[in-house]
């Protein structure tokens, strides 16, 4: 577990340094008209680097004292993780073709039925009502069109 904490904290430190460098390129000071483009990203990245350094120091110190500790994932945990990752990735890929609304309906339906073992009535109701409420809220009320995909605009015409 501590090895994972060490590697993840190093990755976040690297990401923070990259954001700091780009924020400096954009300008991170306060100008006559207010903050420059890199102002907020710069200070957020500084916070990420400092927080990651604290996590790294604590994990490294414990690693030197007590060893690696328990494993990051217990045996059999990968199956549970894949039950989340694979349908989510499929939804993202499907969204390119049928849009967010249909992909979300299919994702919710599959996930509720296959993983949650929920009955058909509840699955169909949630699978239809949730994307429909997204459509009404964003596309109709806020006038913010959500992704329709290649065929989504032709499939849903309302």
N, C-alpha and C. Protein backbone atom coordinates (compact mmCIF):
# COMPACT_ATOMS: atom_id res chain seq x y z
N UNK A 1 0.83 -1.19 0.00
CA UNK A 1 0.00 0.00 0.00
C UNK A 1 0.87 1.25 0.00
N UNK A 2 1.93 1.22 0.77
CA UNK A 2 2.77 2.42 0.85
C UNK A 2 3.50 2.69 -0.45
N UNK A 3 3.84 1.62 -1.17
CA UNK A 3 4.47 1.82 -2.48
C UNK A 3 3.52 2.56 -3.41
N UNK A 4 2.25 2.19 -3.37
CA UNK A 4 1.26 2.87 -4.20
C UNK A 4 1.15 4.34 -3.81
N UNK A 5 1.13 4.62 -2.51
CA UNK A 5 1.07 6.01 -2.05
C UNK A 5 2.28 6.80 -2.53
N UNK A 6 3.44 6.17 -2.48
CA UNK A 6 4.67 6.85 -2.92
C UNK A 6 4.59 7.16 -4.40
N UNK A 7 4.21 6.17 -5.22
CA UNK A 7 4.17 6.39 -6.67
C UNK A 7 3.08 7.38 -7.08
N UNK A 8 1.92 7.31 -6.44
CA UNK A 8 0.84 8.24 -6.78
C UNK A 8 1.21 9.66 -6.35
N UNK A 9 1.83 9.81 -5.19
CA UNK A 9 2.24 11.15 -4.77
C UNK A 9 3.30 11.72 -5.71
N UNK A 10 4.22 10.88 -6.18
CA UNK A 10 5.21 11.35 -7.16
C UNK A 10 4.54 11.76 -8.47
N UNK A 11 3.54 10.99 -8.90
CA UNK A 11 2.83 11.33 -10.13
C UNK A 11 2.10 12.67 -9.98
N UNK A 12 1.47 12.89 -8.83
CA UNK A 12 0.78 14.16 -8.61
C UNK A 12 1.77 15.32 -8.49
N UNK A 13 2.92 15.07 -7.89
CA UNK A 13 3.94 16.12 -7.85
C UNK A 13 4.39 16.50 -9.25
N UNK A 14 4.61 15.50 -10.10
CA UNK A 14 5.00 15.76 -11.49
C UNK A 14 3.91 16.54 -12.22
N UNK A 15 2.66 16.14 -12.04
CA UNK A 15 1.55 16.86 -12.66
C UNK A 15 1.50 18.30 -12.16
N UNK A 16 1.69 18.50 -10.87
CA UNK A 16 1.69 19.85 -10.31
C UNK A 16 2.81 20.71 -10.86
N UNK A 17 3.99 20.13 -11.03
CA UNK A 17 5.12 20.87 -11.59
C UNK A 17 4.83 21.26 -13.04
N UNK A 18 4.22 20.36 -13.80
CA UNK A 18 3.86 20.67 -15.19
C UNK A 18 2.87 21.83 -15.24
N UNK A 19 1.86 21.80 -14.36
CA UNK A 19 0.87 22.88 -14.33
C UNK A 19 1.52 24.19 -13.89
N UNK A 20 2.42 24.13 -12.92
CA UNK A 20 3.13 25.34 -12.49
C UNK A 20 3.92 25.93 -13.64
N UNK A 21 4.64 25.09 -14.38
CA UNK A 21 5.44 25.58 -15.51
C UNK A 21 4.55 26.23 -16.57
N UNK A 22 3.41 25.62 -16.86
CA UNK A 22 2.51 26.19 -17.86
C UNK A 22 1.85 27.46 -17.34
N UNK A 23 1.57 27.52 -16.05
CA UNK A 23 0.98 28.73 -15.47
C UNK A 23 1.97 29.89 -15.52
N UNK A 24 3.24 29.60 -15.31
CA UNK A 24 4.26 30.65 -15.42
C UNK A 24 4.33 31.15 -16.85
N UNK A 25 4.21 30.22 -17.81
CA UNK A 25 4.22 30.60 -19.22
C UNK A 25 3.02 31.52 -19.54
N UNK A 26 1.87 31.22 -18.96
CA UNK A 26 0.67 32.02 -19.21
C UNK A 26 0.68 33.33 -18.43
N UNK A 27 1.40 33.36 -17.36
CA UNK A 27 1.40 34.53 -16.47
C UNK A 27 0.57 34.22 -15.25
N UNK A 28 1.18 34.32 -14.09
CA UNK A 28 0.47 33.94 -12.87
C UNK A 28 0.35 35.10 -11.88
N UNK A 29 0.72 36.29 -12.31
CA UNK A 29 0.66 37.44 -11.41
C UNK A 29 -0.69 38.15 -11.53
N UNK A 30 -0.87 39.14 -10.71
CA UNK A 30 -2.07 39.95 -10.74
C UNK A 30 -1.77 41.17 -11.60
N UNK A 31 -2.56 41.37 -12.65
CA UNK A 31 -2.33 42.48 -13.55
C UNK A 31 -3.27 43.64 -13.28
N UNK A 32 -3.26 44.62 -14.20
CA UNK A 32 -4.13 45.79 -14.04
C UNK A 32 -5.61 45.42 -14.13
N UNK A 33 -5.91 44.40 -14.91
CA UNK A 33 -7.30 44.01 -15.11
C UNK A 33 -7.71 42.82 -14.24
N UNK A 34 -6.85 42.40 -13.35
CA UNK A 34 -7.17 41.27 -12.49
C UNK A 34 -6.16 40.16 -12.65
N UNK A 35 -6.54 38.97 -12.26
CA UNK A 35 -5.59 37.86 -12.32
C UNK A 35 -5.30 37.45 -13.76
N UNK A 36 -4.05 37.08 -14.00
CA UNK A 36 -3.67 36.59 -15.33
C UNK A 36 -4.22 35.18 -15.51
N UNK A 37 -4.07 34.65 -16.71
CA UNK A 37 -4.65 33.34 -17.04
C UNK A 37 -4.12 32.21 -16.18
N UNK A 38 -2.90 32.29 -15.76
CA UNK A 38 -2.32 31.20 -14.98
C UNK A 38 -2.38 31.40 -13.48
N UNK A 39 -3.06 32.44 -13.01
CA UNK A 39 -3.07 32.78 -11.58
C UNK A 39 -3.63 31.64 -10.73
N UNK A 40 -4.88 31.27 -10.99
CA UNK A 40 -5.52 30.22 -10.18
C UNK A 40 -4.88 28.85 -10.40
N UNK A 41 -4.60 28.44 -11.65
CA UNK A 41 -3.92 27.14 -11.81
C UNK A 41 -2.57 27.08 -11.10
N UNK A 42 -1.85 28.20 -11.07
CA UNK A 42 -0.54 28.22 -10.42
C UNK A 42 -0.68 27.90 -8.94
N UNK A 43 -1.56 28.60 -8.25
CA UNK A 43 -1.68 28.41 -6.81
C UNK A 43 -2.33 27.07 -6.46
N UNK A 44 -3.24 26.60 -7.30
CA UNK A 44 -3.79 25.26 -7.08
C UNK A 44 -2.71 24.20 -7.25
N UNK A 45 -1.86 24.37 -8.26
CA UNK A 45 -0.78 23.41 -8.49
C UNK A 45 0.25 23.45 -7.37
N UNK A 46 0.50 24.63 -6.83
CA UNK A 46 1.40 24.72 -5.67
C UNK A 46 0.82 23.93 -4.50
N UNK A 47 -0.49 24.05 -4.29
CA UNK A 47 -1.15 23.26 -3.25
C UNK A 47 -1.05 21.76 -3.50
N UNK A 48 -1.20 21.36 -4.77
CA UNK A 48 -1.08 19.94 -5.12
C UNK A 48 0.33 19.44 -4.85
N UNK A 49 1.33 20.23 -5.23
CA UNK A 49 2.72 19.81 -5.01
C UNK A 49 3.02 19.71 -3.51
N UNK A 50 2.59 20.68 -2.74
CA UNK A 50 2.84 20.65 -1.29
C UNK A 50 2.13 19.46 -0.65
N UNK A 51 0.86 19.25 -1.00
CA UNK A 51 0.11 18.12 -0.44
C UNK A 51 0.73 16.79 -0.83
N UNK A 52 1.15 16.69 -2.08
CA UNK A 52 1.78 15.45 -2.55
C UNK A 52 3.11 15.22 -1.85
N UNK A 53 3.84 16.28 -1.59
CA UNK A 53 5.11 16.14 -0.89
C UNK A 53 4.89 15.65 0.54
N UNK A 54 3.84 16.14 1.19
CA UNK A 54 3.52 15.68 2.54
C UNK A 54 3.15 14.19 2.53
N UNK A 55 2.30 13.80 1.57
CA UNK A 55 1.91 12.39 1.46
C UNK A 55 3.14 11.53 1.17
N UNK A 56 4.00 12.01 0.26
CA UNK A 56 5.21 11.26 -0.08
C UNK A 56 6.10 11.09 1.15
N UNK A 57 6.32 12.16 1.88
CA UNK A 57 7.19 12.11 3.06
C UNK A 57 6.64 11.13 4.10
N UNK A 58 5.33 11.22 4.37
CA UNK A 58 4.73 10.32 5.36
C UNK A 58 4.81 8.86 4.92
N UNK A 59 4.48 8.60 3.65
CA UNK A 59 4.50 7.23 3.15
C UNK A 59 5.92 6.68 3.11
N UNK A 60 6.86 7.51 2.70
CA UNK A 60 8.26 7.06 2.62
C UNK A 60 8.82 6.78 4.01
N UNK A 61 8.49 7.62 4.97
CA UNK A 61 8.95 7.41 6.34
C UNK A 61 8.39 6.11 6.91
N UNK A 62 7.08 5.88 6.71
CA UNK A 62 6.49 4.63 7.19
C UNK A 62 7.03 3.42 6.45
N UNK A 63 7.32 3.59 5.17
CA UNK A 63 7.88 2.49 4.38
C UNK A 63 9.25 2.09 4.92
N UNK A 64 10.05 3.08 5.28
CA UNK A 64 11.38 2.79 5.82
C UNK A 64 11.28 2.14 7.20
N UNK A 65 10.29 2.54 8.02
CA UNK A 65 10.14 2.00 9.36
C UNK A 65 9.51 0.61 9.37
N UNK A 66 8.37 0.48 8.66
CA UNK A 66 7.54 -0.71 8.81
C UNK A 66 7.47 -1.58 7.57
N UNK A 67 8.06 -1.17 6.48
CA UNK A 67 7.98 -1.97 5.26
C UNK A 67 6.81 -1.56 4.39
N UNK A 68 6.49 -2.42 3.43
CA UNK A 68 5.49 -2.08 2.42
C UNK A 68 4.07 -2.07 2.96
N UNK A 69 3.80 -2.76 4.04
CA UNK A 69 2.45 -2.80 4.57
C UNK A 69 1.58 -3.77 3.80
N UNK A 70 0.27 -3.67 3.99
CA UNK A 70 -0.63 -4.60 3.31
C UNK A 70 -0.75 -4.24 1.83
N UNK A 71 -1.15 -5.20 1.00
CA UNK A 71 -1.24 -4.93 -0.44
C UNK A 71 -2.33 -3.90 -0.76
N UNK A 72 -2.15 -3.24 -1.89
CA UNK A 72 -3.11 -2.21 -2.31
C UNK A 72 -4.49 -2.81 -2.52
N UNK A 73 -4.53 -3.94 -3.23
CA UNK A 73 -5.81 -4.60 -3.50
C UNK A 73 -5.78 -6.01 -2.93
N UNK A 74 -6.77 -6.36 -2.14
CA UNK A 74 -6.83 -7.75 -1.68
C UNK A 74 -7.17 -8.68 -2.85
N UNK A 75 -6.90 -9.95 -2.72
CA UNK A 75 -7.21 -10.88 -3.82
C UNK A 75 -8.70 -10.84 -4.16
N UNK A 76 -9.00 -10.80 -5.45
CA UNK A 76 -10.38 -10.76 -5.90
C UNK A 76 -10.96 -9.37 -6.07
N UNK A 77 -10.23 -8.35 -5.67
CA UNK A 77 -10.76 -6.98 -5.76
C UNK A 77 -10.75 -6.46 -7.19
N UNK A 78 -9.89 -7.01 -8.03
CA UNK A 78 -9.81 -6.53 -9.41
C UNK A 78 -11.11 -6.77 -10.16
N UNK A 79 -11.80 -7.86 -9.85
CA UNK A 79 -13.07 -8.16 -10.51
C UNK A 79 -14.09 -7.05 -10.24
N UNK A 80 -14.18 -6.60 -9.00
CA UNK A 80 -15.11 -5.52 -8.65
C UNK A 80 -14.75 -4.23 -9.35
N UNK A 81 -13.47 -3.96 -9.47
CA UNK A 81 -13.03 -2.74 -10.14
C UNK A 81 -13.37 -2.80 -11.62
N UNK A 82 -13.16 -3.96 -12.23
CA UNK A 82 -13.47 -4.11 -13.66
C UNK A 82 -14.96 -4.01 -13.94
N UNK A 83 -15.81 -4.38 -12.98
CA UNK A 83 -17.25 -4.22 -13.15
C UNK A 83 -17.64 -2.74 -13.19
N UNK A 84 -16.80 -1.87 -12.73
CA UNK A 84 -17.05 -0.43 -12.83
C UNK A 84 -16.36 0.15 -14.06
N UNK A 85 -15.11 -0.22 -14.28
CA UNK A 85 -14.30 0.40 -15.34
C UNK A 85 -14.79 0.02 -16.74
N UNK A 86 -15.07 -1.25 -16.98
CA UNK A 86 -15.45 -1.68 -18.34
C UNK A 86 -16.78 -1.07 -18.79
N UNK A 87 -17.86 -1.12 -17.99
CA UNK A 87 -19.09 -0.46 -18.45
C UNK A 87 -18.93 1.06 -18.60
N UNK A 88 -18.13 1.68 -17.74
CA UNK A 88 -17.91 3.13 -17.86
C UNK A 88 -17.17 3.46 -19.14
N UNK A 89 -16.14 2.69 -19.47
CA UNK A 89 -15.42 2.90 -20.72
C UNK A 89 -16.32 2.64 -21.92
N UNK A 90 -17.15 1.62 -21.82
CA UNK A 90 -18.09 1.33 -22.92
C UNK A 90 -19.07 2.48 -23.10
N UNK A 91 -19.52 3.09 -22.00
CA UNK A 91 -20.43 4.22 -22.11
C UNK A 91 -19.76 5.39 -22.81
N UNK A 92 -18.51 5.66 -22.46
CA UNK A 92 -17.79 6.77 -23.08
C UNK A 92 -17.62 6.52 -24.58
N UNK A 93 -17.27 5.28 -24.95
CA UNK A 93 -17.11 4.97 -26.37
C UNK A 93 -18.45 5.00 -27.11
N UNK A 94 -19.49 4.52 -26.46
CA UNK A 94 -20.81 4.51 -27.08
C UNK A 94 -21.36 5.92 -27.23
N UNK A 95 -20.98 6.81 -26.33
CA UNK A 95 -21.45 8.19 -26.38
C UNK A 95 -21.05 8.89 -27.67
N UNK A 96 -19.95 8.49 -28.26
CA UNK A 96 -19.50 9.06 -29.53
C UNK A 96 -20.51 8.79 -30.64
N UNK A 97 -21.21 7.68 -30.55
CA UNK A 97 -22.13 7.29 -31.62
C UNK A 97 -23.58 7.66 -31.33
N UNK A 98 -24.04 7.42 -30.10
CA UNK A 98 -25.46 7.63 -29.81
C UNK A 98 -25.72 8.81 -28.88
N UNK A 99 -24.70 9.49 -28.42
CA UNK A 99 -24.89 10.64 -27.56
C UNK A 99 -24.97 10.28 -26.08
N UNK A 100 -24.96 11.32 -25.27
CA UNK A 100 -24.93 11.13 -23.82
C UNK A 100 -26.23 10.53 -23.29
N UNK A 101 -27.36 10.98 -23.80
CA UNK A 101 -28.64 10.56 -23.24
C UNK A 101 -28.88 9.06 -23.42
N UNK A 102 -28.68 8.57 -24.63
CA UNK A 102 -28.91 7.15 -24.89
C UNK A 102 -27.83 6.31 -24.21
N UNK A 103 -26.58 6.77 -24.26
CA UNK A 103 -25.50 6.02 -23.61
C UNK A 103 -25.73 5.95 -22.10
N UNK A 104 -26.20 7.03 -21.50
CA UNK A 104 -26.47 7.03 -20.06
C UNK A 104 -27.62 6.09 -19.73
N UNK A 105 -28.65 6.07 -20.57
CA UNK A 105 -29.78 5.16 -20.34
C UNK A 105 -29.32 3.70 -20.41
N UNK A 106 -28.52 3.38 -21.42
CA UNK A 106 -28.02 2.01 -21.56
C UNK A 106 -27.08 1.64 -20.41
N UNK A 107 -26.22 2.58 -20.02
CA UNK A 107 -25.29 2.33 -18.91
C UNK A 107 -26.05 2.08 -17.61
N UNK A 108 -27.00 2.97 -17.31
CA UNK A 108 -27.77 2.80 -16.07
C UNK A 108 -28.55 1.49 -16.09
N UNK A 109 -29.17 1.19 -17.23
CA UNK A 109 -29.92 -0.05 -17.34
C UNK A 109 -29.05 -1.27 -17.13
N UNK A 110 -27.92 -1.30 -17.82
CA UNK A 110 -27.01 -2.45 -17.67
C UNK A 110 -26.49 -2.55 -16.25
N UNK A 111 -26.04 -1.44 -15.71
CA UNK A 111 -25.41 -1.48 -14.40
C UNK A 111 -26.41 -1.87 -13.31
N UNK A 112 -27.61 -1.32 -13.39
CA UNK A 112 -28.61 -1.65 -12.38
C UNK A 112 -29.02 -3.12 -12.48
N UNK A 113 -29.17 -3.60 -13.71
CA UNK A 113 -29.64 -4.98 -13.89
C UNK A 113 -28.53 -6.00 -13.64
N UNK A 114 -27.36 -5.80 -14.25
CA UNK A 114 -26.29 -6.80 -14.17
C UNK A 114 -25.54 -6.75 -12.84
N UNK A 115 -25.23 -5.57 -12.38
CA UNK A 115 -24.42 -5.45 -11.16
C UNK A 115 -25.30 -5.36 -9.92
N UNK A 116 -26.33 -4.52 -10.00
CA UNK A 116 -27.18 -4.31 -8.83
C UNK A 116 -28.27 -5.33 -8.64
N UNK A 117 -28.54 -6.14 -9.67
CA UNK A 117 -29.59 -7.17 -9.61
C UNK A 117 -30.94 -6.56 -9.23
N UNK A 118 -31.23 -5.39 -9.82
CA UNK A 118 -32.46 -4.67 -9.53
C UNK A 118 -33.51 -5.10 -10.55
N UNK A 119 -34.76 -5.09 -10.16
CA UNK A 119 -35.85 -5.54 -11.01
C UNK A 119 -36.01 -4.70 -12.27
N UNK A 120 -36.71 -5.29 -13.25
CA UNK A 120 -36.87 -4.64 -14.55
C UNK A 120 -37.64 -3.32 -14.45
N UNK A 121 -38.66 -3.26 -13.63
CA UNK A 121 -39.47 -2.04 -13.55
C UNK A 121 -38.64 -0.86 -13.08
N UNK A 122 -37.93 -1.03 -12.00
CA UNK A 122 -37.09 0.05 -11.47
C UNK A 122 -35.97 0.39 -12.44
N UNK A 123 -35.38 -0.63 -13.05
CA UNK A 123 -34.29 -0.40 -14.00
C UNK A 123 -34.77 0.42 -15.19
N UNK A 124 -35.92 0.07 -15.74
CA UNK A 124 -36.45 0.82 -16.89
C UNK A 124 -36.84 2.24 -16.50
N UNK A 125 -37.46 2.39 -15.34
CA UNK A 125 -37.85 3.73 -14.90
C UNK A 125 -36.63 4.64 -14.71
N UNK A 126 -35.63 4.16 -13.99
CA UNK A 126 -34.43 4.97 -13.75
C UNK A 126 -33.67 5.18 -15.05
N UNK A 127 -33.57 4.14 -15.88
CA UNK A 127 -32.85 4.25 -17.15
C UNK A 127 -33.48 5.23 -18.11
N UNK A 128 -34.77 5.49 -17.97
CA UNK A 128 -35.45 6.46 -18.84
C UNK A 128 -35.54 7.83 -18.17
N UNK A 129 -35.91 7.87 -16.89
CA UNK A 129 -36.14 9.15 -16.22
C UNK A 129 -34.85 9.94 -16.01
N UNK A 130 -33.75 9.29 -15.64
CA UNK A 130 -32.50 10.02 -15.38
C UNK A 130 -31.97 10.72 -16.63
N UNK A 131 -31.81 10.04 -17.77
CA UNK A 131 -31.35 10.76 -18.97
C UNK A 131 -32.37 11.79 -19.47
N UNK A 132 -33.66 11.49 -19.29
CA UNK A 132 -34.68 12.45 -19.70
C UNK A 132 -34.60 13.72 -18.86
N UNK A 133 -34.35 13.57 -17.56
CA UNK A 133 -34.20 14.76 -16.72
C UNK A 133 -32.95 15.55 -17.08
N UNK A 134 -31.87 14.85 -17.46
CA UNK A 134 -30.68 15.55 -17.96
C UNK A 134 -31.01 16.35 -19.22
N UNK A 135 -31.75 15.72 -20.12
CA UNK A 135 -32.12 16.38 -21.38
C UNK A 135 -32.97 17.62 -21.10
N UNK A 136 -33.98 17.48 -20.27
CA UNK A 136 -34.86 18.62 -19.98
C UNK A 136 -34.09 19.73 -19.27
N UNK A 137 -33.28 19.36 -18.29
CA UNK A 137 -32.55 20.37 -17.52
C UNK A 137 -31.54 21.13 -18.37
N UNK A 138 -30.68 20.40 -19.06
CA UNK A 138 -29.60 21.07 -19.78
C UNK A 138 -30.00 21.54 -21.17
N UNK A 139 -30.60 20.67 -21.98
CA UNK A 139 -30.90 21.03 -23.36
C UNK A 139 -32.06 22.01 -23.47
N UNK A 140 -33.07 21.87 -22.62
CA UNK A 140 -34.26 22.71 -22.75
C UNK A 140 -34.25 23.92 -21.80
N UNK A 141 -33.95 23.70 -20.53
CA UNK A 141 -34.01 24.81 -19.57
C UNK A 141 -32.78 25.71 -19.62
N UNK A 142 -31.60 25.13 -19.55
CA UNK A 142 -30.37 25.92 -19.56
C UNK A 142 -29.86 26.22 -20.96
N UNK A 143 -30.44 25.58 -21.97
CA UNK A 143 -30.02 25.74 -23.38
C UNK A 143 -28.54 25.39 -23.57
N UNK A 144 -28.10 24.35 -22.87
CA UNK A 144 -26.74 23.84 -23.01
C UNK A 144 -26.85 22.46 -23.66
N UNK A 145 -26.55 22.35 -24.94
CA UNK A 145 -26.69 21.05 -25.59
C UNK A 145 -25.61 20.07 -25.12
N UNK A 146 -26.05 18.91 -24.71
CA UNK A 146 -25.12 17.84 -24.33
C UNK A 146 -24.80 17.02 -25.57
N UNK A 147 -23.70 16.26 -25.56
CA UNK A 147 -23.29 15.52 -26.76
C UNK A 147 -24.39 14.61 -27.30
N UNK A 148 -24.64 14.73 -28.62
CA UNK A 148 -25.66 13.89 -29.26
C UNK A 148 -25.06 12.74 -30.04
N UNK A 149 -23.78 12.77 -30.30
CA UNK A 149 -23.14 11.69 -31.04
C UNK A 149 -23.50 11.72 -32.51
N UNK A 150 -23.03 10.72 -33.23
CA UNK A 150 -23.28 10.66 -34.67
C UNK A 150 -24.75 10.40 -34.98
N UNK A 151 -25.37 9.49 -34.23
CA UNK A 151 -26.74 9.09 -34.53
C UNK A 151 -27.73 9.58 -33.49
N UNK A 152 -27.28 10.14 -32.39
CA UNK A 152 -28.18 10.54 -31.32
C UNK A 152 -29.20 11.56 -31.72
N UNK A 153 -28.81 12.51 -32.57
CA UNK A 153 -29.75 13.53 -33.03
C UNK A 153 -30.84 12.96 -33.92
N UNK A 154 -30.55 11.87 -34.60
CA UNK A 154 -31.54 11.23 -35.46
C UNK A 154 -32.44 10.28 -34.69
N UNK A 155 -31.90 9.68 -33.64
CA UNK A 155 -32.67 8.73 -32.85
C UNK A 155 -33.65 9.46 -31.94
N UNK A 156 -33.18 10.49 -31.25
CA UNK A 156 -34.03 11.27 -30.35
C UNK A 156 -34.40 12.59 -31.03
N UNK A 157 -35.62 12.68 -31.48
CA UNK A 157 -36.07 13.92 -32.13
C UNK A 157 -37.21 14.53 -31.32
N UNK A 158 -36.86 15.22 -30.24
CA UNK A 158 -37.87 15.98 -29.50
C UNK A 158 -37.26 17.18 -28.89
